[in-house]
Amino acid sequence: MILIYCKVVNQISNAASTNLSKRNQLGELEHIVLSTIMRLGDEAYALPIRAQLAEVGRSVSRGALYTTLMRLEKKGFVESRIGDPLPQRSGRARRYFRVSAAGIAAVRSSREVLLRVWGGLEDKLENP
């Protein structure tokens, strides 16, 4: 009876850790947005994030960017703060983003996976 209980607990634990690790994985856009926020530093808000993404060849709509930012905030990978109201924005304030420690760890982990996946493919990309 104890053996069956231990197996069930182990299966539940494995399922929970699998779900947790999937939740902590980054999609391509999430990875790029987090990296861009890290590059911009304290001045990271939607407009310069979109501009930086366009500069590197990845255009995204405002809606897609805001959806990604909110998803990253929900995962705990970014934190946001509201700046002071600006007269040139009719008194509206900007929402500034910064990457949290968990977000940095997620980018690091995602980068390591991508480097392992890309390992050995350089010659295949150059000589198809």
N, C-alpha and C. Protein backbone atom coordinates (compact mmCIF):
# COMPACT_ATOMS: atom_id res chain seq x y z
N MET A 1 0.82 -1.20 0.00
CA MET A 1 0.00 0.00 0.00
C MET A 1 0.86 1.26 0.00
N ILE A 2 1.90 1.26 0.79
CA ILE A 2 2.80 2.42 0.84
C ILE A 2 3.51 2.59 -0.50
N LEU A 3 3.88 1.49 -1.13
CA LEU A 3 4.56 1.55 -2.42
C LEU A 3 3.66 2.21 -3.47
N ILE A 4 2.38 1.86 -3.49
CA ILE A 4 1.44 2.46 -4.44
C ILE A 4 1.30 3.95 -4.16
N TYR A 5 1.19 4.33 -2.90
CA TYR A 5 1.08 5.72 -2.51
C TYR A 5 2.30 6.51 -2.99
N CYS A 6 3.48 5.95 -2.79
CA CYS A 6 4.71 6.62 -3.22
C CYS A 6 4.75 6.80 -4.73
N LYS A 7 4.29 5.80 -5.49
CA LYS A 7 4.27 5.91 -6.94
C LYS A 7 3.32 7.01 -7.39
N VAL A 8 2.15 7.09 -6.75
CA VAL A 8 1.17 8.11 -7.11
C VAL A 8 1.72 9.50 -6.78
N VAL A 9 2.32 9.67 -5.62
CA VAL A 9 2.90 10.95 -5.24
C VAL A 9 4.00 11.34 -6.22
N ASN A 10 4.82 10.37 -6.60
CA ASN A 10 5.90 10.63 -7.55
C ASN A 10 5.34 11.07 -8.90
N GLN A 11 4.27 10.43 -9.38
CA GLN A 11 3.67 10.79 -10.66
C GLN A 11 3.08 12.20 -10.60
N ILE A 12 2.44 12.52 -9.50
CA ILE A 12 1.87 13.87 -9.34
C ILE A 12 2.99 14.90 -9.31
N SER A 13 4.05 14.60 -8.60
CA SER A 13 5.19 15.51 -8.52
C SER A 13 5.82 15.72 -9.88
N ASN A 14 5.99 14.64 -10.65
CA ASN A 14 6.58 14.75 -11.99
C ASN A 14 5.68 15.57 -12.91
N ALA A 15 4.39 15.37 -12.84
CA ALA A 15 3.44 16.12 -13.67
C ALA A 15 3.49 17.60 -13.31
N ALA A 16 3.56 17.91 -12.02
CA ALA A 16 3.61 19.30 -11.58
C ALA A 16 4.90 19.97 -12.04
N SER A 17 6.03 19.27 -11.95
CA SER A 17 7.29 19.87 -12.38
C SER A 17 7.33 20.03 -13.89
N THR A 18 6.71 19.12 -14.64
CA THR A 18 6.64 19.26 -16.10
C THR A 18 5.82 20.49 -16.47
N ASN A 19 4.67 20.68 -15.81
CA ASN A 19 3.85 21.86 -16.07
C ASN A 19 4.59 23.13 -15.70
N LEU A 20 5.31 23.11 -14.58
CA LEU A 20 6.05 24.28 -14.13
C LEU A 20 7.16 24.61 -15.13
N SER A 21 7.88 23.58 -15.61
CA SER A 21 8.96 23.86 -16.55
C SER A 21 8.41 24.35 -17.88
N LYS A 22 7.26 23.85 -18.32
CA LYS A 22 6.66 24.35 -19.56
C LYS A 22 6.25 25.80 -19.40
N ARG A 23 5.74 26.16 -18.24
CA ARG A 23 5.31 27.53 -17.99
C ARG A 23 6.51 28.47 -17.98
N ASN A 24 7.68 27.95 -17.59
CA ASN A 24 8.88 28.77 -17.53
C ASN A 24 9.66 28.81 -18.84
N GLN A 25 9.23 28.04 -19.82
CA GLN A 25 9.90 28.06 -21.12
C GLN A 25 9.50 29.33 -21.86
N LEU A 26 10.41 29.80 -22.70
CA LEU A 26 10.14 31.01 -23.47
C LEU A 26 9.85 30.68 -24.91
N GLY A 27 8.84 31.33 -25.45
CA GLY A 27 8.62 31.27 -26.88
C GLY A 27 9.59 32.22 -27.56
N GLU A 28 9.66 32.15 -28.87
CA GLU A 28 10.62 32.98 -29.60
C GLU A 28 10.39 34.47 -29.34
N LEU A 29 9.14 34.93 -29.46
CA LEU A 29 8.85 36.34 -29.25
C LEU A 29 9.14 36.75 -27.80
N GLU A 30 8.79 35.91 -26.85
CA GLU A 30 9.08 36.22 -25.45
C GLU A 30 10.58 36.39 -25.24
N HIS A 31 11.36 35.48 -25.82
CA HIS A 31 12.82 35.55 -25.69
C HIS A 31 13.35 36.86 -26.28
N ILE A 32 12.87 37.21 -27.46
CA ILE A 32 13.34 38.42 -28.12
C ILE A 32 12.91 39.67 -27.35
N VAL A 33 11.69 39.69 -26.84
CA VAL A 33 11.21 40.85 -26.08
C VAL A 33 11.99 40.99 -24.79
N LEU A 34 12.22 39.91 -24.07
CA LEU A 34 13.00 39.98 -22.84
C LEU A 34 14.42 40.49 -23.12
N SER A 35 15.03 39.98 -24.16
CA SER A 35 16.39 40.42 -24.53
C SER A 35 16.41 41.91 -24.87
N THR A 36 15.38 42.37 -25.55
CA THR A 36 15.27 43.78 -25.93
C THR A 36 15.10 44.65 -24.69
N ILE A 37 14.28 44.23 -23.76
CA ILE A 37 14.09 45.00 -22.52
C ILE A 37 15.41 45.07 -21.75
N MET A 38 16.13 43.96 -21.71
CA MET A 38 17.44 43.96 -21.02
C MET A 38 18.37 44.96 -21.69
N ARG A 39 18.37 45.02 -23.02
CA ARG A 39 19.24 45.94 -23.75
C ARG A 39 18.85 47.40 -23.50
N LEU A 40 17.55 47.69 -23.44
CA LEU A 40 17.08 49.07 -23.26
C LEU A 40 17.25 49.57 -21.82
N GLY A 41 17.26 48.68 -20.87
CA GLY A 41 17.44 49.09 -19.48
C GLY A 41 16.22 49.80 -18.91
N ASP A 42 16.49 50.87 -18.16
CA ASP A 42 15.42 51.57 -17.43
C ASP A 42 14.43 52.31 -18.32
N GLU A 43 14.75 52.52 -19.57
CA GLU A 43 13.88 53.26 -20.47
C GLU A 43 13.03 52.35 -21.35
N ALA A 44 12.79 51.13 -20.92
CA ALA A 44 12.05 50.16 -21.73
C ALA A 44 10.54 50.35 -21.55
N TYR A 45 9.92 50.92 -22.55
CA TYR A 45 8.47 50.97 -22.63
C TYR A 45 8.10 50.60 -24.06
N ALA A 46 6.84 50.47 -24.36
CA ALA A 46 6.39 49.84 -25.60
C ALA A 46 7.01 50.43 -26.87
N LEU A 47 7.04 51.75 -26.99
CA LEU A 47 7.52 52.36 -28.24
C LEU A 47 8.98 52.02 -28.54
N PRO A 48 9.92 52.22 -27.62
CA PRO A 48 11.30 51.84 -27.94
C PRO A 48 11.50 50.33 -28.05
N ILE A 49 10.69 49.55 -27.36
CA ILE A 49 10.78 48.09 -27.51
C ILE A 49 10.42 47.72 -28.94
N ARG A 50 9.29 48.25 -29.44
CA ARG A 50 8.88 47.98 -30.83
C ARG A 50 9.91 48.47 -31.83
N ALA A 51 10.47 49.65 -31.59
CA ALA A 51 11.48 50.21 -32.50
C ALA A 51 12.72 49.32 -32.55
N GLN A 52 13.17 48.87 -31.39
CA GLN A 52 14.34 48.00 -31.31
C GLN A 52 14.07 46.67 -32.02
N LEU A 53 12.88 46.12 -31.82
CA LEU A 53 12.51 44.88 -32.50
C LEU A 53 12.53 45.06 -34.01
N ALA A 54 12.00 46.19 -34.49
CA ALA A 54 11.98 46.46 -35.93
C ALA A 54 13.41 46.61 -36.46
N GLU A 55 14.29 47.22 -35.67
CA GLU A 55 15.68 47.39 -36.09
C GLU A 55 16.38 46.06 -36.33
N VAL A 56 16.03 45.05 -35.54
CA VAL A 56 16.67 43.74 -35.70
C VAL A 56 15.89 42.84 -36.65
N GLY A 57 14.85 43.41 -37.29
CA GLY A 57 14.13 42.67 -38.31
C GLY A 57 12.92 41.91 -37.83
N ARG A 58 12.41 42.24 -36.66
CA ARG A 58 11.23 41.56 -36.14
C ARG A 58 10.14 42.59 -35.84
N SER A 59 9.27 42.82 -36.81
CA SER A 59 8.17 43.77 -36.62
C SER A 59 7.03 43.06 -35.90
N VAL A 60 6.48 43.71 -34.90
CA VAL A 60 5.33 43.17 -34.18
C VAL A 60 4.28 44.27 -34.02
N SER A 61 3.05 43.86 -34.02
CA SER A 61 1.97 44.84 -33.80
C SER A 61 1.97 45.26 -32.34
N ARG A 62 1.35 46.39 -32.08
CA ARG A 62 1.25 46.84 -30.68
C ARG A 62 0.51 45.82 -29.85
N GLY A 63 -0.56 45.26 -30.42
CA GLY A 63 -1.35 44.27 -29.68
C GLY A 63 -0.53 43.04 -29.32
N ALA A 64 0.26 42.55 -30.27
CA ALA A 64 1.10 41.38 -29.99
C ALA A 64 2.14 41.69 -28.94
N LEU A 65 2.71 42.91 -29.00
CA LEU A 65 3.71 43.30 -28.01
C LEU A 65 3.08 43.40 -26.62
N TYR A 66 1.95 44.09 -26.51
CA TYR A 66 1.31 44.23 -25.20
C TYR A 66 0.87 42.88 -24.64
N THR A 67 0.37 42.01 -25.49
CA THR A 67 -0.02 40.67 -25.04
C THR A 67 1.19 39.92 -24.50
N THR A 68 2.31 40.01 -25.21
CA THR A 68 3.54 39.35 -24.77
C THR A 68 4.04 39.94 -23.47
N LEU A 69 4.02 41.26 -23.35
CA LEU A 69 4.48 41.91 -22.11
C LEU A 69 3.62 41.49 -20.92
N MET A 70 2.30 41.43 -21.11
CA MET A 70 1.42 41.04 -20.01
C MET A 70 1.64 39.57 -19.63
N ARG A 71 1.86 38.73 -20.64
CA ARG A 71 2.13 37.31 -20.37
C ARG A 71 3.45 37.16 -19.60
N LEU A 72 4.46 37.91 -20.00
CA LEU A 72 5.74 37.86 -19.30
C LEU A 72 5.62 38.36 -17.87
N GLU A 73 4.79 39.37 -17.68
CA GLU A 73 4.58 39.89 -16.32
C GLU A 73 3.84 38.85 -15.48
N LYS A 74 2.86 38.20 -16.06
CA LYS A 74 2.10 37.17 -15.34
C LYS A 74 3.02 36.00 -14.94
N LYS A 75 3.97 35.65 -15.80
CA LYS A 75 4.93 34.58 -15.50
C LYS A 75 5.97 35.02 -14.48
N GLY A 76 6.04 36.32 -14.21
CA GLY A 76 7.02 36.83 -13.25
C GLY A 76 8.37 37.14 -13.89
N PHE A 77 8.43 37.22 -15.22
CA PHE A 77 9.69 37.46 -15.93
C PHE A 77 9.97 38.95 -16.12
N VAL A 78 8.94 39.77 -16.08
CA VAL A 78 9.14 41.23 -16.12
C VAL A 78 8.31 41.86 -15.01
N GLU A 79 8.76 43.04 -14.62
CA GLU A 79 8.02 43.86 -13.66
C GLU A 79 7.76 45.19 -14.34
N SER A 80 6.63 45.79 -14.03
CA SER A 80 6.34 47.07 -14.66
C SER A 80 6.04 48.12 -13.60
N ARG A 81 6.23 49.35 -14.02
CA ARG A 81 5.89 50.49 -13.17
C ARG A 81 5.31 51.57 -14.06
N ILE A 82 4.45 52.38 -13.49
CA ILE A 82 3.85 53.49 -14.22
C ILE A 82 4.69 54.73 -13.95
N GLY A 83 5.10 55.40 -15.03
CA GLY A 83 5.87 56.64 -14.89
C GLY A 83 4.95 57.81 -14.61
N ASP A 84 5.54 58.98 -14.55
CA ASP A 84 4.77 60.21 -14.33
C ASP A 84 3.97 60.55 -15.58
N PRO A 85 2.81 61.17 -15.40
CA PRO A 85 2.02 61.60 -16.56
C PRO A 85 2.82 62.60 -17.39
N LEU A 86 2.68 62.50 -18.71
CA LEU A 86 3.44 63.37 -19.61
C LEU A 86 2.49 64.30 -20.35
N PRO A 87 2.83 65.59 -20.40
CA PRO A 87 1.95 66.53 -21.10
C PRO A 87 1.82 66.22 -22.59
N GLN A 88 2.90 65.74 -23.22
CA GLN A 88 2.82 65.43 -24.65
C GLN A 88 1.97 64.20 -24.93
N ARG A 89 1.62 63.46 -23.90
CA ARG A 89 0.74 62.29 -24.07
C ARG A 89 -0.64 62.59 -23.48
N SER A 90 -1.03 63.84 -23.45
CA SER A 90 -2.32 64.28 -22.90
C SER A 90 -2.47 63.84 -21.44
N GLY A 91 -1.38 63.85 -20.71
CA GLY A 91 -1.43 63.52 -19.30
C GLY A 91 -1.37 62.04 -18.99
N ARG A 92 -1.25 61.21 -20.03
CA ARG A 92 -1.14 59.76 -19.79
C ARG A 92 0.29 59.40 -19.43
N ALA A 93 0.43 58.39 -18.62
CA ALA A 93 1.75 57.94 -18.18
C ALA A 93 2.19 56.73 -19.00
N ARG A 94 3.49 56.53 -19.06
CA ARG A 94 4.05 55.36 -19.72
C ARG A 94 4.18 54.22 -18.71
N ARG A 95 4.10 53.00 -19.21
CA ARG A 95 4.37 51.82 -18.39
C ARG A 95 5.77 51.34 -18.77
N TYR A 96 6.67 51.38 -17.79
CA TYR A 96 8.05 50.96 -18.00
C TYR A 96 8.22 49.51 -17.54
N PHE A 97 9.05 48.77 -18.25
CA PHE A 97 9.28 47.36 -17.94
C PHE A 97 10.74 47.12 -17.62
N ARG A 98 10.97 46.17 -16.72
CA ARG A 98 12.32 45.70 -16.45
C ARG A 98 12.26 44.20 -16.26
N VAL A 99 13.34 43.54 -16.62
CA VAL A 99 13.41 42.08 -16.52
C VAL A 99 13.74 41.70 -15.08
N SER A 100 12.97 40.78 -14.53
CA SER A 100 13.20 40.31 -13.16
C SER A 100 14.31 39.28 -13.14
N ALA A 101 14.72 38.87 -11.95
CA ALA A 101 15.74 37.83 -11.81
C ALA A 101 15.27 36.53 -12.46
N ALA A 102 13.98 36.22 -12.31
CA ALA A 102 13.43 35.01 -12.94
C ALA A 102 13.47 35.13 -14.46
N GLY A 103 13.26 36.34 -14.98
CA GLY A 103 13.32 36.56 -16.41
C GLY A 103 14.73 36.40 -16.96
N ILE A 104 15.71 36.89 -16.21
CA ILE A 104 17.10 36.71 -16.62
C ILE A 104 17.46 35.23 -16.64
N ALA A 105 17.02 34.50 -15.63
CA ALA A 105 17.27 33.06 -15.58
C ALA A 105 16.60 32.36 -16.76
N ALA A 106 15.40 32.79 -17.13
CA ALA A 106 14.68 32.18 -18.26
C ALA A 106 15.40 32.46 -19.57
N VAL A 107 15.91 33.68 -19.75
CA VAL A 107 16.66 34.02 -20.97
C VAL A 107 17.94 33.19 -21.03
N ARG A 108 18.61 33.09 -19.90
CA ARG A 108 19.84 32.30 -19.84
C ARG A 108 19.57 30.85 -20.21
N SER A 109 18.53 30.27 -19.64
CA SER A 109 18.17 28.88 -19.92
C SER A 109 17.78 28.69 -21.38
N SER A 110 16.99 29.61 -21.91
CA SER A 110 16.56 29.54 -23.30
C SER A 110 17.76 29.64 -24.23
N ARG A 111 18.69 30.53 -23.91
CA ARG A 111 19.90 30.70 -24.72
C ARG A 111 20.72 29.42 -24.73
N GLU A 112 20.87 28.78 -23.57
CA GLU A 112 21.64 27.55 -23.49
C GLU A 112 21.02 26.45 -24.35
N VAL A 113 19.69 26.34 -24.32
CA VAL A 113 19.00 25.34 -25.14
C VAL A 113 19.22 25.64 -26.61
N LEU A 114 19.06 26.92 -27.00
CA LEU A 114 19.24 27.28 -28.41
C LEU A 114 20.67 27.01 -28.88
N LEU A 115 21.65 27.29 -28.04
CA LEU A 115 23.04 27.01 -28.43
C LEU A 115 23.27 25.52 -28.63
N ARG A 116 22.67 24.70 -27.76
CA ARG A 116 22.81 23.24 -27.93
C ARG A 116 22.12 22.77 -29.20
N VAL A 117 20.96 23.32 -29.49
CA VAL A 117 20.22 22.93 -30.70
C VAL A 117 21.00 23.35 -31.95
N TRP A 118 21.58 24.54 -31.94
CA TRP A 118 22.29 25.05 -33.10
C TRP A 118 23.67 24.43 -33.27
N GLY A 119 24.19 23.81 -32.24
CA GLY A 119 25.53 23.22 -32.31
C GLY A 119 25.67 22.25 -33.48
N GLY A 120 26.67 22.48 -34.32
CA GLY A 120 26.92 21.60 -35.43
C GLY A 120 26.11 21.89 -36.67
N LEU A 121 25.27 22.90 -36.66
CA LEU A 121 24.43 23.21 -37.83
C LEU A 121 25.03 24.28 -38.74
N GLU A 122 26.10 24.92 -38.31
CA GLU A 122 26.66 26.03 -39.09
C GLU A 122 26.99 25.59 -40.51
N ASP A 123 27.67 24.44 -40.66
CA ASP A 123 28.06 23.99 -42.00
C ASP A 123 26.85 23.61 -42.85
N LYS A 124 25.82 23.11 -42.23
CA LYS A 124 24.60 22.74 -42.97
C LYS A 124 23.86 24.00 -43.45
N LEU A 125 23.94 25.08 -42.70
CA LEU A 125 23.30 26.32 -43.11
C LEU A 125 24.08 27.00 -44.23
N GLU A 126 25.40 26.89 -44.19
CA GLU A 126 26.23 27.52 -45.21
C GLU A 126 26.25 26.71 -46.50
N ASN A 127 26.19 25.39 -46.39
CA ASN A 127 26.23 24.50 -47.56
C ASN A 127 25.01 23.58 -47.54
N PRO A 128 23.86 24.08 -47.98
CA PRO A 128 22.64 23.27 -47.88
C PRO A 128 22.64 22.01 -48.71
